[in-house]
Amino acid sequence: MPQTTFTLTKREGDRTLRAETEADLSKDDLAALLDELKAHGSPEFGEFATIYVAPDEYTLHVKDQSIPLKPQFFPTRYSHIINELTSKLA
């Protein structure tokens, strides 16, 4: 399986933090992951949400795509990818 480079960026005020990792994903698995993230990667809270979540701006960069992302909604079967990326941002 080919190595795919994943880059996660996070805006913090006027700074942008960046982390990078590589993962072995088949072409089909990568396509499925990207499709799922585009469809569900950055959902909005409903109109009745009463909690405040800091408006961190995350973006996942894979190949030529940039996908707005809320890391807590990353598919669990690929949690090792987002866990490594978020740990490197700290």
PDB file of N, CA and C in Angstrom:
ATOM      1  N   MET A   1       0.831  -1.178   0.000  1.00  0.00           N
ATOM      2  CA  MET A   1       0.000   0.000   0.000  1.00  0.00           C
ATOM      3  C   MET A   1       0.878   1.244   0.000  1.00  0.00           C
ATOM      4  N   PRO A   2       0.460   2.238  -0.718  1.00  0.00           N
ATOM      5  CA  PRO A   2       1.269   3.462  -0.785  1.00  0.00           C
ATOM      6  C   PRO A   2       1.158   4.302   0.484  1.00  0.00           C
ATOM      7  N   GLN A   3       2.235   4.979   0.805  1.00  0.00           N
ATOM      8  CA  GLN A   3       2.241   5.911   1.932  1.00  0.00           C
ATOM      9  C   GLN A   3       1.500   7.181   1.515  1.00  0.00           C
ATOM     10  N   THR A   4       0.609   7.643   2.373  1.00  0.00           N
ATOM     11  CA  THR A   4      -0.111   8.887   2.142  1.00  0.00           C
ATOM     12  C   THR A   4       0.274   9.852   3.244  1.00  0.00           C
ATOM     13  N   THR A   5       0.618  11.076   2.891  1.00  0.00           N
ATOM     14  CA  THR A   5       0.971  12.093   3.867  1.00  0.00           C
ATOM     15  C   THR A   5      -0.276  12.870   4.260  1.00  0.00           C
ATOM     16  N   PHE A   6      -0.505  12.957   5.566  1.00  0.00           N
ATOM     17  CA  PHE A   6      -1.611  13.726   6.122  1.00  0.00           C
ATOM     18  C   PHE A   6      -1.019  14.903   6.876  1.00  0.00           C
ATOM     19  N   THR A   7      -1.515  16.092   6.625  1.00  0.00           N
ATOM     20  CA  THR A   7      -1.072  17.283   7.334  1.00  0.00           C
ATOM     21  C   THR A   7      -2.290  17.914   7.977  1.00  0.00           C
ATOM     22  N   LEU A   8      -2.179  18.221   9.259  1.00  0.00           N
ATOM     23  CA  LEU A   8      -3.262  18.873   9.992  1.00  0.00           C
ATOM     24  C   LEU A   8      -2.792  20.255  10.386  1.00  0.00           C
ATOM     25  N   THR A   9      -3.591  21.263  10.103  1.00  0.00           N
ATOM     26  CA  THR A   9      -3.280  22.616  10.535  1.00  0.00           C
ATOM     27  C   THR A   9      -4.379  23.089  11.475  1.00  0.00           C
ATOM     28  N   LYS A  10      -3.967  23.934  12.414  1.00  0.00           N
ATOM     29  CA  LYS A  10      -4.911  24.492  13.388  1.00  0.00           C
ATOM     30  C   LYS A  10      -4.607  25.969  13.534  1.00  0.00           C
ATOM     31  N   ARG A  11      -5.637  26.783  13.346  1.00  0.00           N
ATOM     32  CA  ARG A  11      -5.484  28.231  13.527  1.00  0.00           C
ATOM     33  C   ARG A  11      -5.683  28.557  14.996  1.00  0.00           C
ATOM     34  N   GLU A  12      -4.733  29.257  15.566  1.00  0.00           N
ATOM     35  CA  GLU A  12      -4.821  29.763  16.937  1.00  0.00           C
ATOM     36  C   GLU A  12      -4.500  31.238  16.888  1.00  0.00           C
ATOM     37  N   GLY A  13      -5.548  32.038  16.861  1.00  0.00           N
ATOM     38  CA  GLY A  13      -5.334  33.476  16.754  1.00  0.00           C
ATOM     39  C   GLY A  13      -4.651  33.803  15.441  1.00  0.00           C
ATOM     40  N   ASP A  14      -3.476  34.414  15.528  1.00  0.00           N
ATOM     41  CA  ASP A  14      -2.747  34.771  14.304  1.00  0.00           C
ATOM     42  C   ASP A  14      -1.684  33.738  13.945  1.00  0.00           C
ATOM     43  N   ARG A  15      -1.658  32.607  14.679  1.00  0.00           N
ATOM     44  CA  ARG A  15      -0.688  31.536  14.389  1.00  0.00           C
ATOM     45  C   ARG A  15      -1.376  30.353  13.733  1.00  0.00           C
ATOM     46  N   THR A  16      -0.609  29.607  12.960  1.00  0.00           N
ATOM     47  CA  THR A  16      -1.093  28.347  12.405  1.00  0.00           C
ATOM     48  C   THR A  16      -0.137  27.245  12.837  1.00  0.00           C
ATOM     49  N   LEU A  17      -0.669  26.286  13.614  1.00  0.00           N
ATOM     50  CA  LEU A  17       0.121  25.124  14.017  1.00  0.00           C
ATOM     51  C   LEU A  17      -0.006  24.063  12.933  1.00  0.00           C
ATOM     52  N   ARG A  18       1.032  23.242  12.797  1.00  0.00           N
ATOM     53  CA  ARG A  18       1.059  22.260  11.712  1.00  0.00           C
ATOM     54  C   ARG A  18       1.655  20.957  12.218  1.00  0.00           C
ATOM     55  N   ALA A  19       1.033  19.838  11.822  1.00  0.00           N
ATOM     56  CA  ALA A  19       1.558  18.510  12.148  1.00  0.00           C
ATOM     57  C   ALA A  19       1.416  17.630  10.911  1.00  0.00           C
ATOM     58  N   GLU A  20       2.314  16.685  10.782  1.00  0.00           N
ATOM     59  CA  GLU A  20       2.313  15.814   9.603  1.00  0.00           C
ATOM     60  C   GLU A  20       2.592  14.381  10.022  1.00  0.00           C
ATOM     61  N   THR A  21       1.942  13.443   9.339  1.00  0.00           N
ATOM     62  CA  THR A  21       2.201  12.020   9.548  1.00  0.00           C
ATOM     63  C   THR A  21       1.949  11.290   8.236  1.00  0.00           C
ATOM     64  N   GLU A  22       2.411  10.063   8.180  1.00  0.00           N
ATOM     65  CA  GLU A  22       2.173   9.227   7.008  1.00  0.00           C
ATOM     66  C   GLU A  22       1.435   7.970   7.437  1.00  0.00           C
ATOM     67  N   ALA A  23       0.612   7.451   6.544  1.00  0.00           N
ATOM     68  CA  ALA A  23      -0.138   6.229   6.824  1.00  0.00           C
ATOM     69  C   ALA A  23      -0.235   5.406   5.550  1.00  0.00           C
ATOM     70  N   ASP A  24      -0.289   4.092   5.738  1.00  0.00           N
ATOM     71  CA  ASP A  24      -0.463   3.171   4.616  1.00  0.00           C
ATOM     72  C   ASP A  24      -1.959   2.945   4.409  1.00  0.00           C
ATOM     73  N   LEU A  25      -2.493   3.490   3.348  1.00  0.00           N
ATOM     74  CA  LEU A  25      -3.896   3.276   3.003  1.00  0.00           C
ATOM     75  C   LEU A  25      -3.989   2.893   1.538  1.00  0.00           C
ATOM     76  N   SER A  26      -4.837   1.940   1.252  1.00  0.00           N
ATOM     77  CA  SER A  26      -5.061   1.600  -0.151  1.00  0.00           C
ATOM     78  C   SER A  26      -5.764   2.771  -0.826  1.00  0.00           C
ATOM     79  N   LYS A  27      -5.743   2.778  -2.127  1.00  0.00           N
ATOM     80  CA  LYS A  27      -6.395   3.848  -2.877  1.00  0.00           C
ATOM     81  C   LYS A  27      -7.891   3.915  -2.541  1.00  0.00           C
ATOM     82  N   ASP A  28      -8.528   2.749  -2.414  1.00  0.00           N
ATOM     83  CA  ASP A  28      -9.957   2.698  -2.085  1.00  0.00           C
ATOM     84  C   ASP A  28     -10.226   3.190  -0.666  1.00  0.00           C
ATOM     85  N   ASP A  29      -9.370   2.793   0.293  1.00  0.00           N
ATOM     86  CA  ASP A  29      -9.543   3.247   1.677  1.00  0.00           C
ATOM     87  C   ASP A  29      -9.359   4.761   1.781  1.00  0.00           C
ATOM     88  N   LEU A  30      -8.370   5.285   1.081  1.00  0.00           N
ATOM     89  CA  LEU A  30      -8.132   6.728   1.096  1.00  0.00           C
ATOM     90  C   LEU A  30      -9.319   7.471   0.497  1.00  0.00           C
ATOM     91  N   ALA A  31      -9.821   6.989  -0.613  1.00  0.00           N
ATOM     92  CA  ALA A  31     -10.981   7.629  -1.251  1.00  0.00           C
ATOM     93  C   ALA A  31     -12.189   7.594  -0.326  1.00  0.00           C
ATOM     94  N   ALA A  32     -12.416   6.463   0.351  1.00  0.00           N
ATOM     95  CA  ALA A  32     -13.552   6.346   1.269  1.00  0.00           C
ATOM     96  C   ALA A  32     -13.389   7.291   2.454  1.00  0.00           C
ATOM     97  N   LEU A  33     -12.178   7.386   3.011  1.00  0.00           N
ATOM     98  CA  LEU A  33     -11.927   8.285   4.127  1.00  0.00           C
ATOM     99  C   LEU A  33     -12.177   9.735   3.719  1.00  0.00           C
ATOM    100  N   LEU A  34     -11.635  10.148   2.589  1.00  0.00           N
ATOM    101  CA  LEU A  34     -11.813  11.528   2.142  1.00  0.00           C
ATOM    102  C   LEU A  34     -13.274  11.848   1.860  1.00  0.00           C
ATOM    103  N   ASP A  35     -13.985  10.911   1.257  1.00  0.00           N
ATOM    104  CA  ASP A  35     -15.414  11.124   1.006  1.00  0.00           C
ATOM    105  C   ASP A  35     -16.180  11.285   2.314  1.00  0.00           C
ATOM    106  N   GLU A  36     -15.843  10.439   3.301  1.00  0.00           N
ATOM    107  CA  GLU A  36     -16.526  10.520   4.594  1.00  0.00           C
ATOM    108  C   GLU A  36     -16.213  11.831   5.307  1.00  0.00           C
ATOM    109  N   LEU A  37     -14.962  12.260   5.245  1.00  0.00           N
ATOM    110  CA  LEU A  37     -14.592  13.515   5.890  1.00  0.00           C
ATOM    111  C   LEU A  37     -15.265  14.710   5.218  1.00  0.00           C
ATOM    112  N   LYS A  38     -15.341  14.684   3.912  1.00  0.00           N
ATOM    113  CA  LYS A  38     -16.015  15.785   3.205  1.00  0.00           C
ATOM    114  C   LYS A  38     -17.493  15.834   3.549  1.00  0.00           C
ATOM    115  N   ALA A  39     -18.079  14.678   3.762  1.00  0.00           N
ATOM    116  CA  ALA A  39     -19.507  14.619   4.064  1.00  0.00           C
ATOM    117  C   ALA A  39     -19.793  14.936   5.534  1.00  0.00           C
ATOM    118  N   HIS A  40     -18.869  14.529   6.450  1.00  0.00           N
ATOM    119  CA  HIS A  40     -19.172  14.625   7.874  1.00  0.00           C
ATOM    120  C   HIS A  40     -18.052  15.225   8.708  1.00  0.00           C
ATOM    121  N   GLY A  41     -16.977  15.665   8.106  1.00  0.00           N
ATOM    122  CA  GLY A  41     -15.796  16.080   8.866  1.00  0.00           C
ATOM    123  C   GLY A  41     -15.949  17.324   9.694  1.00  0.00           C
ATOM    124  N   SER A  42     -16.875  18.185   9.367  1.00  0.00           N
ATOM    125  CA  SER A  42     -17.018  19.420  10.116  1.00  0.00           C
ATOM    126  C   SER A  42     -18.486  19.763  10.305  1.00  0.00           C
ATOM    127  N   PRO A  43     -19.229  18.898  11.003  1.00  0.00           N
ATOM    128  CA  PRO A  43     -20.655  19.175  11.171  1.00  0.00           C
ATOM    129  C   PRO A  43     -20.890  20.386  12.053  1.00  0.00           C
ATOM    130  N   GLU A  44     -22.002  21.007  11.861  1.00  0.00           N
ATOM    131  CA  GLU A  44     -22.389  22.162  12.668  1.00  0.00           C
ATOM    132  C   GLU A  44     -23.236  21.673  13.833  1.00  0.00           C
ATOM    133  N   PHE A  45     -23.181  22.389  14.925  1.00  0.00           N
ATOM    134  CA  PHE A  45     -24.044  22.056  16.039  1.00  0.00           C
ATOM    135  C   PHE A  45     -25.455  22.522  15.724  1.00  0.00           C
ATOM    136  N   GLY A  46     -26.443  21.812  16.243  1.00  0.00           N
ATOM    137  CA  GLY A  46     -27.840  22.155  16.013  1.00  0.00           C
ATOM    138  C   GLY A  46     -28.222  23.462  16.674  1.00  0.00           C
ATOM    139  N   GLU A  47     -29.372  23.954  16.332  1.00  0.00           N
ATOM    140  CA  GLU A  47     -29.809  25.244  16.840  1.00  0.00           C
ATOM    141  C   GLU A  47     -30.061  25.223  18.346  1.00  0.00           C
ATOM    142  N   PHE A  48     -30.193  24.037  18.948  1.00  0.00           N
ATOM    143  CA  PHE A  48     -30.467  23.954  20.372  1.00  0.00           C
ATOM    144  C   PHE A  48     -29.237  23.599  21.201  1.00  0.00           C
ATOM    145  N   ALA A  49     -28.075  23.598  20.597  1.00  0.00           N
ATOM    146  CA  ALA A  49     -26.854  23.308  21.347  1.00  0.00           C
ATOM    147  C   ALA A  49     -26.647  24.404  22.398  1.00  0.00           C
ATOM    148  N   THR A  50     -26.382  23.994  23.626  1.00  0.00           N
ATOM    149  CA  THR A  50     -26.227  24.966  24.701  1.00  0.00           C
ATOM    150  C   THR A  50     -24.807  25.016  25.241  1.00  0.00           C
ATOM    151  N   ILE A  51     -23.901  24.262  24.640  1.00  0.00           N
ATOM    152  CA  ILE A  51     -22.520  24.272  25.099  1.00  0.00           C
ATOM    153  C   ILE A  51     -21.710  25.199  24.218  1.00  0.00           C
ATOM    154  N   TYR A  52     -20.620  25.686  24.766  1.00  0.00           N
ATOM    155  CA  TYR A  52     -19.718  26.514  23.980  1.00  0.00           C
ATOM    156  C   TYR A  52     -18.475  25.697  23.670  1.00  0.00           C
ATOM    157  N   VAL A  53     -18.122  25.636  22.435  1.00  0.00           N
ATOM    158  CA  VAL A  53     -16.912  24.949  22.006  1.00  0.00           C
ATOM    159  C   VAL A  53     -16.022  25.995  21.352  1.00  0.00           C
ATOM    160  N   ALA A  54     -14.793  26.065  21.804  1.00  0.00           N
ATOM    161  CA  ALA A  54     -13.866  27.045  21.234  1.00  0.00           C
ATOM    162  C   ALA A  54     -13.816  26.880  19.724  1.00  0.00           C
ATOM    163  N   PRO A  55     -13.854  27.966  19.012  1.00  0.00           N
ATOM    164  CA  PRO A  55     -13.921  27.889  17.540  1.00  0.00           C
ATOM    165  C   PRO A  55     -12.572  27.608  16.884  1.00  0.00           C
ATOM    166  N   ASP A  56     -11.923  26.530  17.309  1.00  0.00           N
ATOM    167  CA  ASP A  56     -10.662  26.153  16.673  1.00  0.00           C
ATOM    168  C   ASP A  56     -10.927  25.804  15.224  1.00  0.00           C
ATOM    169  N   GLU A  57     -10.033  26.226  14.359  1.00  0.00           N
ATOM    170  CA  GLU A  57     -10.173  25.941  12.941  1.00  0.00           C
ATOM    171  C   GLU A  57      -9.107  24.933  12.536  1.00  0.00           C
ATOM    172  N   TYR A  58      -9.551  23.705  12.277  1.00  0.00           N
ATOM    173  CA  TYR A  58      -8.654  22.649  11.824  1.00  0.00           C
ATOM    174  C   TYR A  58      -8.895  22.400  10.341  1.00  0.00           C
ATOM    175  N   THR A  59      -7.832  22.075   9.634  1.00  0.00           N
ATOM    176  CA  THR A  59      -7.938  21.689   8.239  1.00  0.00           C
ATOM    177  C   THR A  59      -7.017  20.501   8.012  1.00  0.00           C
ATOM    178  N   LEU A  60      -7.547  19.470   7.364  1.00  0.00           N
ATOM    179  CA  LEU A  60      -6.749  18.300   7.007  1.00  0.00           C
ATOM    180  C   LEU A  60      -6.357  18.430   5.541  1.00  0.00           C
ATOM    181  N   HIS A  61      -5.063  18.307   5.281  1.00  0.00           N
ATOM    182  CA  HIS A  61      -4.541  18.410   3.923  1.00  0.00           C
ATOM    183  C   HIS A  61      -4.041  17.036   3.496  1.00  0.00           C
ATOM    184  N   VAL A  62      -4.606  16.513   2.413  1.00  0.00           N
ATOM    185  CA  VAL A  62      -4.221  15.209   1.882  1.00  0.00           C
ATOM    186  C   VAL A  62      -4.143  15.348   0.375  1.00  0.00           C
ATOM    187  N   LYS A  63      -2.960  15.036  -0.145  1.00  0.00           N
ATOM    188  CA  LYS A  63      -2.712  15.193  -1.589  1.00  0.00           C
ATOM    189  C   LYS A  63      -3.066  16.622  -1.987  1.00  0.00           C
ATOM    190  N   ASP A  64      -3.994  16.827  -2.899  1.00  0.00           N
ATOM    191  CA  ASP A  64      -4.326  18.182  -3.350  1.00  0.00           C
ATOM    192  C   ASP A  64      -5.621  18.696  -2.731  1.00  0.00           C
ATOM    193  N   GLN A  65      -6.068  18.062  -1.634  1.00  0.00           N
ATOM    194  CA  GLN A  65      -7.337  18.445  -1.023  1.00  0.00           C
ATOM    195  C   GLN A  65      -7.124  19.039   0.363  1.00  0.00           C
ATOM    196  N   SER A  66      -7.942  20.025   0.698  1.00  0.00           N
ATOM    197  CA  SER A  66      -7.965  20.630   2.027  1.00  0.00           C
ATOM    198  C   SER A  66      -9.388  20.530   2.539  1.00  0.00           C
ATOM    199  N   ILE A  67      -9.549  19.860   3.683  1.00  0.00           N
ATOM    200  CA  ILE A  67     -10.884  19.564   4.202  1.00  0.00           C
ATOM    201  C   ILE A  67     -11.032  20.176   5.590  1.00  0.00           C
ATOM    202  N   PRO A  68     -11.982  21.114   5.782  1.00  0.00           N
ATOM    203  CA  PRO A  68     -12.240  21.623   7.137  1.00  0.00           C
ATOM    204  C   PRO A  68     -12.636  20.446   8.031  1.00  0.00           C
ATOM    205  N   LEU A  69     -12.161  20.481   9.276  1.00  0.00           N
ATOM    206  CA  LEU A  69     -12.294  19.284  10.104  1.00  0.00           C
ATOM    207  C   LEU A  69     -12.509  19.640  11.567  1.00  0.00           C
ATOM    208  N   LYS A  70     -13.344  18.862  12.224  1.00  0.00           N
ATOM    209  CA  LYS A  70     -13.436  18.830  13.681  1.00  0.00           C
ATOM    210  C   LYS A  70     -12.896  17.447  14.056  1.00  0.00           C
ATOM    211  N   PRO A  71     -11.708  17.385  14.677  1.00  0.00           N
ATOM    212  CA  PRO A  71     -11.060  16.094  14.926  1.00  0.00           C
ATOM    213  C   PRO A  71     -11.921  15.080  15.673  1.00  0.00           C
ATOM    214  N   GLN A  72     -12.832  15.543  16.522  1.00  0.00           N
ATOM    215  CA  GLN A  72     -13.664  14.604  17.272  1.00  0.00           C
ATOM    216  C   GLN A  72     -14.616  13.824  16.376  1.00  0.00           C
ATOM    217  N   PHE A  73     -14.782  14.236  15.122  1.00  0.00           N
ATOM    218  CA  PHE A  73     -15.652  13.533  14.192  1.00  0.00           C
ATOM    219  C   PHE A  73     -14.872  12.700  13.174  1.00  0.00           C
ATOM    220  N   PHE A  74     -13.570  12.502  13.402  1.00  0.00           N
ATOM    221  CA  PHE A  74     -12.748  11.687  12.507  1.00  0.00           C
ATOM    222  C   PHE A  74     -13.183  10.232  12.656  1.00  0.00           C
ATOM    223  N   PRO A  75     -13.310   9.496  11.563  1.00  0.00           N
ATOM    224  CA  PRO A  75     -13.750   8.091  11.645  1.00  0.00           C
ATOM    225  C   PRO A  75     -12.860   7.266  12.582  1.00  0.00           C
ATOM    226  N   THR A  76     -13.479   6.528  13.483  1.00  0.00           N
ATOM    227  CA  THR A  76     -12.723   5.794  14.499  1.00  0.00           C
ATOM    228  C   THR A  76     -11.797   4.733  13.918  1.00  0.00           C
ATOM    229  N   ARG A  77     -12.147   4.177  12.770  1.00  0.00           N
ATOM    230  CA  ARG A  77     -11.273   3.136  12.214  1.00  0.00           C
ATOM    231  C   ARG A  77      -9.917   3.699  11.769  1.00  0.00           C
ATOM    232  N   TYR A  78      -9.825   5.026  11.662  1.00  0.00           N
ATOM    233  CA  TYR A  78      -8.559   5.684  11.319  1.00  0.00           C
ATOM    234  C   TYR A  78      -8.087   6.576  12.467  1.00  0.00           C
ATOM    235  N   SER A  79      -8.496   6.258  13.679  1.00  0.00           N
ATOM    236  CA  SER A  79      -8.174   7.119  14.824  1.00  0.00           C
ATOM    237  C   SER A  79      -6.669   7.272  15.042  1.00  0.00           C
ATOM    238  N   HIS A  80      -5.894   6.264  14.659  1.00  0.00           N
ATOM    239  CA  HIS A  80      -4.447   6.372  14.843  1.00  0.00           C
ATOM    240  C   HIS A  80      -3.867   7.551  14.057  1.00  0.00           C
ATOM    241  N   ILE A  81      -4.467   7.896  12.933  1.00  0.00           N
ATOM    242  CA  ILE A  81      -3.980   9.005  12.120  1.00  0.00           C
ATOM    243  C   ILE A  81      -4.252  10.330  12.832  1.00  0.00           C
ATOM    244  N   ILE A  82      -5.515  10.561  13.245  1.00  0.00           N
ATOM    245  CA  ILE A  82      -5.848  11.837  13.870  1.00  0.00           C
ATOM    246  C   ILE A  82      -5.212  11.948  15.250  1.00  0.00           C
ATOM    247  N   ASN A  83      -5.072  10.830  15.973  1.00  0.00           N
ATOM    248  CA  ASN A  83      -4.407  10.881  17.284  1.00  0.00           C
ATOM    249  C   ASN A  83      -2.958  11.323  17.151  1.00  0.00           C
ATOM    250  N   GLU A  84      -2.276  10.786  16.169  1.00  0.00           N
ATOM    251  CA  GLU A  84      -0.870  11.174  15.982  1.00  0.00           C
ATOM    252  C   GLU A  84      -0.772  12.635  15.567  1.00  0.00           C
ATOM    253  N   LEU A  85      -1.630  13.069  14.667  1.00  0.00           N
ATOM    254  CA  LEU A  85      -1.589  14.453  14.219  1.00  0.00           C
ATOM    255  C   LEU A  85      -1.883  15.430  15.362  1.00  0.00           C
ATOM    256  N   THR A  86      -2.931  15.167  16.126  1.00  0.00           N
ATOM    257  CA  THR A  86      -3.281  16.102  17.209  1.00  0.00           C
ATOM    258  C   THR A  86      -2.231  16.088  18.312  1.00  0.00           C
ATOM    259  N   SER A  87      -1.604  14.955  18.564  1.00  0.00           N
ATOM    260  CA  SER A  87      -0.566  14.921  19.589  1.00  0.00           C
ATOM    261  C   SER A  87       0.663  15.736  19.171  1.00  0.00           C
ATOM    262  N   LYS A  88       0.923  15.802  17.882  1.00  0.00           N
ATOM    263  CA  LYS A  88       2.060  16.586  17.386  1.00  0.00           C
ATOM    264  C   LYS A  88       1.764  18.082  17.381  1.00  0.00           C
ATOM    265  N   LEU A  89       0.501  18.467  17.405  1.00  0.00           N
ATOM    266  CA  LEU A  89       0.162  19.895  17.442  1.00  0.00           C
ATOM    267  C   LEU A  89       0.437  20.498  18.804  1.00  0.00           C
ATOM    268  N   ALA A  90       0.359  19.690  19.839  1.00  0.00           N
ATOM    269  CA  ALA A  90       0.506  20.208  21.215  1.00  0.00           C
ATOM    270  C   ALA A  90       1.928  20.650  21.511  1.00  0.00           C
TER     271      ALA A  90
END
